[in-house]
Every structure is written in C-alpha cells, then in structure tokens.
Amino acid sequence: MISSILLAAAGSVPATPVWSPTVGIIISVSSLVALLLTLVSKAPKVGPSLPGLPVTVPAFIGAMAFGHVVGVGIVLGLTNIGRL
C-alpha cells in the first residue's frame, strides 16, 4: 500500500524530460566546458596523464562527472520552464 504522503507529493513532481539529441548536446557541451575549466585551473597535476590531452585521469573523470551534473541541472531547468 502506498503512503498517503507519497500520493500527495506525486502531484507536485515536475515532468521528466525524454532523451533527445538536444539533451545529448547539452550534456556534451557542459562536459566539454567543465574539461576546459580543468585545463586552466592551477590545481596540482596528480596521477597518470591521458595520452593526447594535457590533463590527468582523475581530473578528466572529475570534469566529466561535474559536467554531467551541471548538464542535468540545465536540462531539468529548461524542462521545468517549458523550453525543452
């Protein structure tokens, strides 16, 4: 049995966006911007570096994770205001 509190809260949940190429582009661009911000940071370069990129593996993984979080926030915000 579903709790009445959950049923009351279900009406205020915003719409969930459906994946589209626009959503993919937003996530990709935000991840790229996060990676570019990593390149200009003055943080120490610790760990093995990626071949072909002047960034370390931990910095790359962290930038991609942060870019996805920012991208999801952008997608949810645009969906909430009806632009996506």
PDB file of N, CA and C in Angstrom:
ATOM      1  N   MET A   1       0.834  -1.180   0.000  1.00  0.00           N
ATOM      2  CA  MET A   1       0.000   0.000   0.000  1.00  0.00           C
ATOM      3  C   MET A   1       0.879   1.243   0.000  1.00  0.00           C
ATOM      4  N   ILE A   2       0.534   2.219  -0.825  1.00  0.00           N
ATOM      5  CA  ILE A   2       1.302   3.446  -0.945  1.00  0.00           C
ATOM      6  C   ILE A   2       0.849   4.426   0.132  1.00  0.00           C
ATOM      7  N   SER A   3       1.820   5.048   0.755  1.00  0.00           N
ATOM      8  CA  SER A   3       1.529   6.004   1.813  1.00  0.00           C
ATOM      9  C   SER A   3       0.802   7.222   1.235  1.00  0.00           C
ATOM     10  N   SER A   4      -0.075   7.805   2.024  1.00  0.00           N
ATOM     11  CA  SER A   4      -0.822   8.976   1.566  1.00  0.00           C
ATOM     12  C   SER A   4       0.086  10.186   1.393  1.00  0.00           C
ATOM     13  N   ILE A   5       1.206  10.238   2.108  1.00  0.00           N
ATOM     14  CA  ILE A   5       2.158  11.338   1.938  1.00  0.00           C
ATOM     15  C   ILE A   5       2.800  11.263   0.559  1.00  0.00           C
ATOM     16  N   LEU A   6       3.150  10.046   0.114  1.00  0.00           N
ATOM     17  CA  LEU A   6       3.732   9.892  -1.214  1.00  0.00           C
ATOM     18  C   LEU A   6       2.728  10.248  -2.300  1.00  0.00           C
ATOM     19  N   LEU A   7       1.485   9.886  -2.103  1.00  0.00           N
ATOM     20  CA  LEU A   7       0.462  10.227  -3.077  1.00  0.00           C
ATOM     21  C   LEU A   7       0.237  11.736  -3.149  1.00  0.00           C
ATOM     22  N   ALA A   8       0.325  12.405  -2.027  1.00  0.00           N
ATOM     23  CA  ALA A   8       0.147  13.851  -2.015  1.00  0.00           C
ATOM     24  C   ALA A   8       1.315  14.551  -2.707  1.00  0.00           C
ATOM     25  N   ALA A   9       2.526  14.009  -2.552  1.00  0.00           N
ATOM     26  CA  ALA A   9       3.704  14.614  -3.160  1.00  0.00           C
ATOM     27  C   ALA A   9       3.800  14.312  -4.646  1.00  0.00           C
ATOM     28  N   ALA A  10       3.166  13.250  -5.115  1.00  0.00           N
ATOM     29  CA  ALA A  10       3.277  12.853  -6.515  1.00  0.00           C
ATOM     30  C   ALA A  10       2.693  13.896  -7.464  1.00  0.00           C
ATOM     31  N   GLY A  11       1.766  14.673  -7.025  1.00  0.00           N
ATOM     32  CA  GLY A  11       1.176  15.700  -7.872  1.00  0.00           C
ATOM     33  C   GLY A  11       2.077  16.882  -8.122  1.00  0.00           C
ATOM     34  N   SER A  12       3.078  17.091  -7.278  1.00  0.00           N
ATOM     35  CA  SER A  12       3.949  18.245  -7.436  1.00  0.00           C
ATOM     36  C   SER A  12       5.276  17.906  -8.112  1.00  0.00           C
ATOM     37  N   VAL A  13       5.455  16.666  -8.567  1.00  0.00           N
ATOM     38  CA  VAL A  13       6.696  16.272  -9.232  1.00  0.00           C
ATOM     39  C   VAL A  13       6.680  16.818 -10.660  1.00  0.00           C
ATOM     40  N   PRO A  14       7.740  17.532 -11.070  1.00  0.00           N
ATOM     41  CA  PRO A  14       7.749  18.092 -12.434  1.00  0.00           C
ATOM     42  C   PRO A  14       7.913  16.997 -13.481  1.00  0.00           C
ATOM     43  N   ALA A  15       7.634  17.353 -14.714  1.00  0.00           N
ATOM     44  CA  ALA A  15       7.736  16.403 -15.815  1.00  0.00           C
ATOM     45  C   ALA A  15       9.186  15.982 -16.025  1.00  0.00           C
ATOM     46  N   THR A  16       9.373  14.724 -16.337  1.00  0.00           N
ATOM     47  CA  THR A  16      10.697  14.201 -16.618  1.00  0.00           C
ATOM     48  C   THR A  16      10.963  14.323 -18.113  1.00  0.00           C
ATOM     49  N   PRO A  17      12.109  14.897 -18.495  1.00  0.00           N
ATOM     50  CA  PRO A  17      12.373  15.060 -19.925  1.00  0.00           C
ATOM     51  C   PRO A  17      12.675  13.723 -20.592  1.00  0.00           C
ATOM     52  N   VAL A  18      12.276  13.605 -21.841  1.00  0.00           N
ATOM     53  CA  VAL A  18      12.584  12.425 -22.639  1.00  0.00           C
ATOM     54  C   VAL A  18      13.891  12.698 -23.361  1.00  0.00           C
ATOM     55  N   TRP A  19      14.752  11.668 -23.473  1.00  0.00           N
ATOM     56  CA  TRP A  19      16.038  11.877 -24.117  1.00  0.00           C
ATOM     57  C   TRP A  19      15.830  12.224 -25.578  1.00  0.00           C
ATOM     58  N   SER A  20      16.615  13.196 -26.037  1.00  0.00           N
ATOM     59  CA  SER A  20      16.608  13.602 -27.440  1.00  0.00           C
ATOM     60  C   SER A  20      18.027  14.046 -27.780  1.00  0.00           C
ATOM     61  N   PRO A  21      18.328  14.241 -29.056  1.00  0.00           N
ATOM     62  CA  PRO A  21      19.659  14.750 -29.397  1.00  0.00           C
ATOM     63  C   PRO A  21      19.973  16.099 -28.752  1.00  0.00           C
ATOM     64  N   THR A  22      18.968  16.911 -28.515  1.00  0.00           N
ATOM     65  CA  THR A  22      19.187  18.200 -27.845  1.00  0.00           C
ATOM     66  C   THR A  22      19.706  17.984 -26.427  1.00  0.00           C
ATOM     67  N   VAL A  23      19.137  17.017 -25.726  1.00  0.00           N
ATOM     68  CA  VAL A  23      19.600  16.705 -24.372  1.00  0.00           C
ATOM     69  C   VAL A  23      21.048  16.215 -24.420  1.00  0.00           C
ATOM     70  N   GLY A  24      21.366  15.368 -25.388  1.00  0.00           N
ATOM     71  CA  GLY A  24      22.736  14.878 -25.540  1.00  0.00           C
ATOM     72  C   GLY A  24      23.725  15.982 -25.826  1.00  0.00           C
ATOM     73  N   ILE A  25      23.321  16.935 -26.648  1.00  0.00           N
ATOM     74  CA  ILE A  25      24.196  18.061 -26.972  1.00  0.00           C
ATOM     75  C   ILE A  25      24.430  18.928 -25.740  1.00  0.00           C
ATOM     76  N   ILE A  26      23.390  19.162 -24.957  1.00  0.00           N
ATOM     77  CA  ILE A  26      23.533  19.981 -23.741  1.00  0.00           C
ATOM     78  C   ILE A  26      24.491  19.311 -22.762  1.00  0.00           C
ATOM     79  N   ILE A  27      24.351  18.002 -22.556  1.00  0.00           N
ATOM     80  CA  ILE A  27      25.235  17.271 -21.639  1.00  0.00           C
ATOM     81  C   ILE A  27      26.671  17.297 -22.171  1.00  0.00           C
ATOM     82  N   SER A  28      26.837  17.097 -23.478  1.00  0.00           N
ATOM     83  CA  SER A  28      28.178  17.077 -24.066  1.00  0.00           C
ATOM     84  C   SER A  28      28.865  18.434 -23.952  1.00  0.00           C
ATOM     85  N   VAL A  29      28.140  19.496 -24.235  1.00  0.00           N
ATOM     86  CA  VAL A  29      28.736  20.840 -24.167  1.00  0.00           C
ATOM     87  C   VAL A  29      29.098  21.199 -22.726  1.00  0.00           C
ATOM     88  N   SER A  30      28.237  20.847 -21.788  1.00  0.00           N
ATOM     89  CA  SER A  30      28.555  21.170 -20.389  1.00  0.00           C
ATOM     90  C   SER A  30      29.757  20.355 -19.904  1.00  0.00           C
ATOM     91  N   SER A  31      29.902  19.119 -20.364  1.00  0.00           N
ATOM     92  CA  SER A  31      31.077  18.328 -20.001  1.00  0.00           C
ATOM     93  C   SER A  31      32.339  18.898 -20.632  1.00  0.00           C
ATOM     94  N   LEU A  32      32.247  19.371 -21.863  1.00  0.00           N
ATOM     95  CA  LEU A  32      33.396  19.982 -22.526  1.00  0.00           C
ATOM     96  C   LEU A  32      33.815  21.272 -21.823  1.00  0.00           C
ATOM     97  N   VAL A  33      32.852  22.073 -21.406  1.00  0.00           N
ATOM     98  CA  VAL A  33      33.169  23.304 -20.676  1.00  0.00           C
ATOM     99  C   VAL A  33      33.835  22.977 -19.342  1.00  0.00           C
ATOM    100  N   ALA A  34      33.355  21.951 -18.657  1.00  0.00           N
ATOM    101  CA  ALA A  34      33.982  21.547 -17.391  1.00  0.00           C
ATOM    102  C   ALA A  34      35.411  21.063 -17.622  1.00  0.00           C
ATOM    103  N   LEU A  35      35.644  20.359 -18.726  1.00  0.00           N
ATOM    104  CA  LEU A  35      37.003  19.912 -19.048  1.00  0.00           C
ATOM    105  C   LEU A  35      37.904  21.101 -19.364  1.00  0.00           C
ATOM    106  N   LEU A  36      37.392  22.087 -20.087  1.00  0.00           N
ATOM    107  CA  LEU A  36      38.189  23.278 -20.383  1.00  0.00           C
ATOM    108  C   LEU A  36      38.518  24.059 -19.123  1.00  0.00           C
ATOM    109  N   LEU A  37      37.584  24.088 -18.171  1.00  0.00           N
ATOM    110  CA  LEU A  37      37.868  24.748 -16.891  1.00  0.00           C
ATOM    111  C   LEU A  37      38.955  24.006 -16.123  1.00  0.00           C
ATOM    112  N   THR A  38      39.008  22.694 -16.277  1.00  0.00           N
ATOM    113  CA  THR A  38      40.059  21.910 -15.629  1.00  0.00           C
ATOM    114  C   THR A  38      41.420  22.244 -16.210  1.00  0.00           C
ATOM    115  N   LEU A  39      41.467  22.501 -17.515  1.00  0.00           N
ATOM    116  CA  LEU A  39      42.744  22.802 -18.159  1.00  0.00           C
ATOM    117  C   LEU A  39      43.338  24.123 -17.701  1.00  0.00           C
ATOM    118  N   VAL A  40      42.508  25.084 -17.348  1.00  0.00           N
ATOM    119  CA  VAL A  40      43.024  26.390 -16.925  1.00  0.00           C
ATOM    120  C   VAL A  40      43.210  26.496 -15.420  1.00  0.00           C
ATOM    121  N   SER A  41      42.858  25.451 -14.682  1.00  0.00           N
ATOM    122  CA  SER A  41      42.999  25.515 -13.224  1.00  0.00           C
ATOM    123  C   SER A  41      44.463  25.371 -12.831  1.00  0.00           C
ATOM    124  N   LYS A  42      44.788  25.899 -11.688  1.00  0.00           N
ATOM    125  CA  LYS A  42      46.154  25.839 -11.168  1.00  0.00           C
ATOM    126  C   LYS A  42      46.330  24.713 -10.158  1.00  0.00           C
ATOM    127  N   ALA A  43      45.412  23.745 -10.171  1.00  0.00           N
ATOM    128  CA  ALA A  43      45.496  22.626  -9.245  1.00  0.00           C
ATOM    129  C   ALA A  43      46.687  21.743  -9.617  1.00  0.00           C
ATOM    130  N   PRO A  44      47.278  21.077  -8.640  1.00  0.00           N
ATOM    131  CA  PRO A  44      48.411  20.210  -8.963  1.00  0.00           C
ATOM    132  C   PRO A  44      47.973  19.041  -9.837  1.00  0.00           C
ATOM    133  N   LYS A  45      48.830  18.684 -10.780  1.00  0.00           N
ATOM    134  CA  LYS A  45      48.542  17.572 -11.684  1.00  0.00           C
ATOM    135  C   LYS A  45      49.044  16.280 -11.042  1.00  0.00           C
ATOM    136  N   VAL A  46      48.132  15.528 -10.434  1.00  0.00           N
ATOM    137  CA  VAL A  46      48.481  14.308  -9.723  1.00  0.00           C
ATOM    138  C   VAL A  46      47.861  13.136 -10.466  1.00  0.00           C
ATOM    139  N   GLY A  47      48.638  12.083 -10.669  1.00  0.00           N
ATOM    140  CA  GLY A  47      48.135  10.889 -11.327  1.00  0.00           C
ATOM    141  C   GLY A  47      48.654  10.785 -12.748  1.00  0.00           C
ATOM    142  N   PRO A  48      48.341   9.665 -13.398  1.00  0.00           N
ATOM    143  CA  PRO A  48      48.820   9.471 -14.769  1.00  0.00           C
ATOM    144  C   PRO A  48      48.085  10.395 -15.739  1.00  0.00           C
ATOM    145  N   SER A  49      48.810  10.859 -16.747  1.00  0.00           N
ATOM    146  CA  SER A  49      48.192  11.765 -17.713  1.00  0.00           C
ATOM    147  C   SER A  49      47.594  10.966 -18.864  1.00  0.00           C
ATOM    148  N   LEU A  50      46.598  11.561 -19.496  1.00  0.00           N
ATOM    149  CA  LEU A  50      45.967  10.938 -20.652  1.00  0.00           C
ATOM    150  C   LEU A  50      46.801  11.223 -21.893  1.00  0.00           C
ATOM    151  N   PRO A  51      46.963  10.233 -22.762  1.00  0.00           N
ATOM    152  CA  PRO A  51      47.727  10.499 -23.987  1.00  0.00           C
ATOM    153  C   PRO A  51      46.944  11.431 -24.911  1.00  0.00           C
ATOM    154  N   GLY A  52      47.587  12.462 -25.367  1.00  0.00           N
ATOM    155  CA  GLY A  52      46.959  13.406 -26.283  1.00  0.00           C
ATOM    156  C   GLY A  52      46.252  14.561 -25.604  1.00  0.00           C
ATOM    157  N   LEU A  53      46.082  14.511 -24.304  1.00  0.00           N
ATOM    158  CA  LEU A  53      45.435  15.601 -23.573  1.00  0.00           C
ATOM    159  C   LEU A  53      46.339  16.047 -22.428  1.00  0.00           C
ATOM    160  N   PRO A  54      46.412  17.335 -22.174  1.00  0.00           N
ATOM    161  CA  PRO A  54      47.235  17.802 -21.050  1.00  0.00           C
ATOM    162  C   PRO A  54      46.477  17.757 -19.723  1.00  0.00           C
ATOM    163  N   VAL A  55      45.840  16.646 -19.441  1.00  0.00           N
ATOM    164  CA  VAL A  55      45.052  16.505 -18.224  1.00  0.00           C
ATOM    165  C   VAL A  55      45.285  15.106 -17.668  1.00  0.00           C
ATOM    166  N   THR A  56      45.188  14.984 -16.353  1.00  0.00           N
ATOM    167  CA  THR A  56      45.385  13.676 -15.730  1.00  0.00           C
ATOM    168  C   THR A  56      44.068  12.897 -15.718  1.00  0.00           C
ATOM    169  N   VAL A  57      44.172  11.606 -15.484  1.00  0.00           N
ATOM    170  CA  VAL A  57      42.986  10.744 -15.474  1.00  0.00           C
ATOM    171  C   VAL A  57      41.994  11.164 -14.378  1.00  0.00           C
ATOM    172  N   PRO A  58      42.452  11.401 -13.130  1.00  0.00           N
ATOM    173  CA  PRO A  58      41.476  11.835 -12.117  1.00  0.00           C
ATOM    174  C   PRO A  58      40.805  13.162 -12.445  1.00  0.00           C
ATOM    175  N   ALA A  59      41.551  14.099 -13.030  1.00  0.00           N
ATOM    176  CA  ALA A  59      40.964  15.383 -13.393  1.00  0.00           C
ATOM    177  C   ALA A  59      39.947  15.215 -14.520  1.00  0.00           C
ATOM    178  N   PHE A  60      40.234  14.324 -15.462  1.00  0.00           N
ATOM    179  CA  PHE A  60      39.313  14.069 -16.571  1.00  0.00           C
ATOM    180  C   PHE A  60      38.016  13.453 -16.061  1.00  0.00           C
ATOM    181  N   ILE A  61      38.122  12.460 -15.194  1.00  0.00           N
ATOM    182  CA  ILE A  61      36.925  11.810 -14.643  1.00  0.00           C
ATOM    183  C   ILE A  61      36.113  12.798 -13.814  1.00  0.00           C
ATOM    184  N   GLY A  62      36.800  13.605 -13.019  1.00  0.00           N
ATOM    185  CA  GLY A  62      36.103  14.599 -12.216  1.00  0.00           C
ATOM    186  C   GLY A  62      35.415  15.654 -13.065  1.00  0.00           C
ATOM    187  N   ALA A  63      36.081  16.096 -14.138  1.00  0.00           N
ATOM    188  CA  ALA A  63      35.483  17.101 -15.016  1.00  0.00           C
ATOM    189  C   ALA A  63      34.260  16.536 -15.728  1.00  0.00           C
ATOM    190  N   MET A  64      34.336  15.290 -16.169  1.00  0.00           N
ATOM    191  CA  MET A  64      33.187  14.682 -16.848  1.00  0.00           C
ATOM    192  C   MET A  64      32.006  14.499 -15.880  1.00  0.00           C
ATOM    193  N   ALA A  65      32.299  14.096 -14.663  1.00  0.00           N
ATOM    194  CA  ALA A  65      31.228  13.937 -13.674  1.00  0.00           C
ATOM    195  C   ALA A  65      30.580  15.281 -13.360  1.00  0.00           C
ATOM    196  N   PHE A  66      31.404  16.309 -13.155  1.00  0.00           N
ATOM    197  CA  PHE A  66      30.872  17.637 -12.871  1.00  0.00           C
ATOM    198  C   PHE A  66      30.082  18.175 -14.061  1.00  0.00           C
ATOM    199  N   GLY A  67      30.569  17.937 -15.273  1.00  0.00           N
ATOM    200  CA  GLY A  67      29.858  18.373 -16.472  1.00  0.00           C
ATOM    201  C   GLY A  67      28.508  17.709 -16.616  1.00  0.00           C
ATOM    202  N   HIS A  68      28.421  16.427 -16.257  1.00  0.00           N
ATOM    203  CA  HIS A  68      27.131  15.740 -16.313  1.00  0.00           C
ATOM    204  C   HIS A  68      26.162  16.298 -15.273  1.00  0.00           C
ATOM    205  N   VAL A  69      26.658  16.590 -14.087  1.00  0.00           N
ATOM    206  CA  VAL A  69      25.789  17.153 -13.048  1.00  0.00           C
ATOM    207  C   VAL A  69      25.256  18.510 -13.481  1.00  0.00           C
ATOM    208  N   VAL A  70      26.135  19.352 -14.025  1.00  0.00           N
ATOM    209  CA  VAL A  70      25.698  20.668 -14.495  1.00  0.00           C
ATOM    210  C   VAL A  70      24.730  20.514 -15.667  1.00  0.00           C
ATOM    211  N   GLY A  71      25.028  19.602 -16.583  1.00  0.00           N
ATOM    212  CA  GLY A  71      24.164  19.378 -17.734  1.00  0.00           C
ATOM    213  C   GLY A  71      22.780  18.887 -17.348  1.00  0.00           C
ATOM    214  N   VAL A  72      22.717  17.988 -16.384  1.00  0.00           N
ATOM    215  CA  VAL A  72      21.414  17.504 -15.915  1.00  0.00           C
ATOM    216  C   VAL A  72      20.630  18.647 -15.284  1.00  0.00           C
ATOM    217  N   GLY A  73      21.312  19.510 -14.547  1.00  0.00           N
ATOM    218  CA  GLY A  73      20.642  20.680 -13.978  1.00  0.00           C
ATOM    219  C   GLY A  73      20.100  21.607 -15.052  1.00  0.00           C
ATOM    220  N   ILE A  74      20.868  21.800 -16.117  1.00  0.00           N
ATOM    221  CA  ILE A  74      20.400  22.644 -17.220  1.00  0.00           C
ATOM    222  C   ILE A  74      19.193  22.020 -17.895  1.00  0.00           C
ATOM    223  N   VAL A  75      19.260  20.713 -18.172  1.00  0.00           N
ATOM    224  CA  VAL A  75      18.149  20.025 -18.844  1.00  0.00           C
ATOM    225  C   VAL A  75      16.894  20.068 -17.983  1.00  0.00           C
ATOM    226  N   LEU A  76      17.015  19.795 -16.691  1.00  0.00           N
ATOM    227  CA  LEU A  76      15.847  19.831 -15.823  1.00  0.00           C
ATOM    228  C   LEU A  76      15.294  21.257 -15.693  1.00  0.00           C
ATOM    229  N   GLY A  77      16.177  22.237 -15.633  1.00  0.00           N
ATOM    230  CA  GLY A  77      15.711  23.620 -15.560  1.00  0.00           C
ATOM    231  C   GLY A  77      14.974  24.045 -16.824  1.00  0.00           C
ATOM    232  N   LEU A  78      15.531  23.703 -17.986  1.00  0.00           N
ATOM    233  CA  LEU A  78      14.870  24.043 -19.242  1.00  0.00           C
ATOM    234  C   LEU A  78      13.549  23.297 -19.400  1.00  0.00           C
ATOM    235  N   THR A  79      13.500  22.071 -18.930  1.00  0.00           N
ATOM    236  CA  THR A  79      12.232  21.314 -18.986  1.00  0.00           C
ATOM    237  C   THR A  79      11.203  21.935 -18.060  1.00  0.00           C
ATOM    238  N   ASN A  80      11.641  22.381 -16.900  1.00  0.00           N
ATOM    239  CA  ASN A  80      10.719  22.956 -15.927  1.00  0.00           C
ATOM    240  C   ASN A  80      10.093  24.254 -16.422  1.00  0.00           C
ATOM    241  N   ILE A  81      10.848  25.050 -17.189  1.00  0.00           N
ATOM    242  CA  ILE A  81      10.280  26.298 -17.691  1.00  0.00           C
ATOM    243  C   ILE A  81       9.623  26.124 -19.052  1.00  0.00           C
ATOM    244  N   GLY A  82       9.656  24.904 -19.585  1.00  0.00           N
ATOM    245  CA  GLY A  82       8.952  24.613 -20.826  1.00  0.00           C
ATOM    246  C   GLY A  82       9.733  24.912 -22.094  1.00  0.00           C
ATOM    247  N   ARG A  83      11.013  25.077 -22.022  1.00  0.00           N
ATOM    248  CA  ARG A  83      11.818  25.386 -23.202  1.00  0.00           C
ATOM    249  C   ARG A  83      12.373  24.142 -23.871  1.00  0.00           C
ATOM    250  N   LEU A  84      12.271  22.999 -23.229  1.00  0.00           N
ATOM    251  CA  LEU A  84      12.832  21.775 -23.781  1.00  0.00           C
ATOM    252  C   LEU A  84      11.788  20.691 -23.843  1.00  0.00           C
TER     253      LEU A  84
END
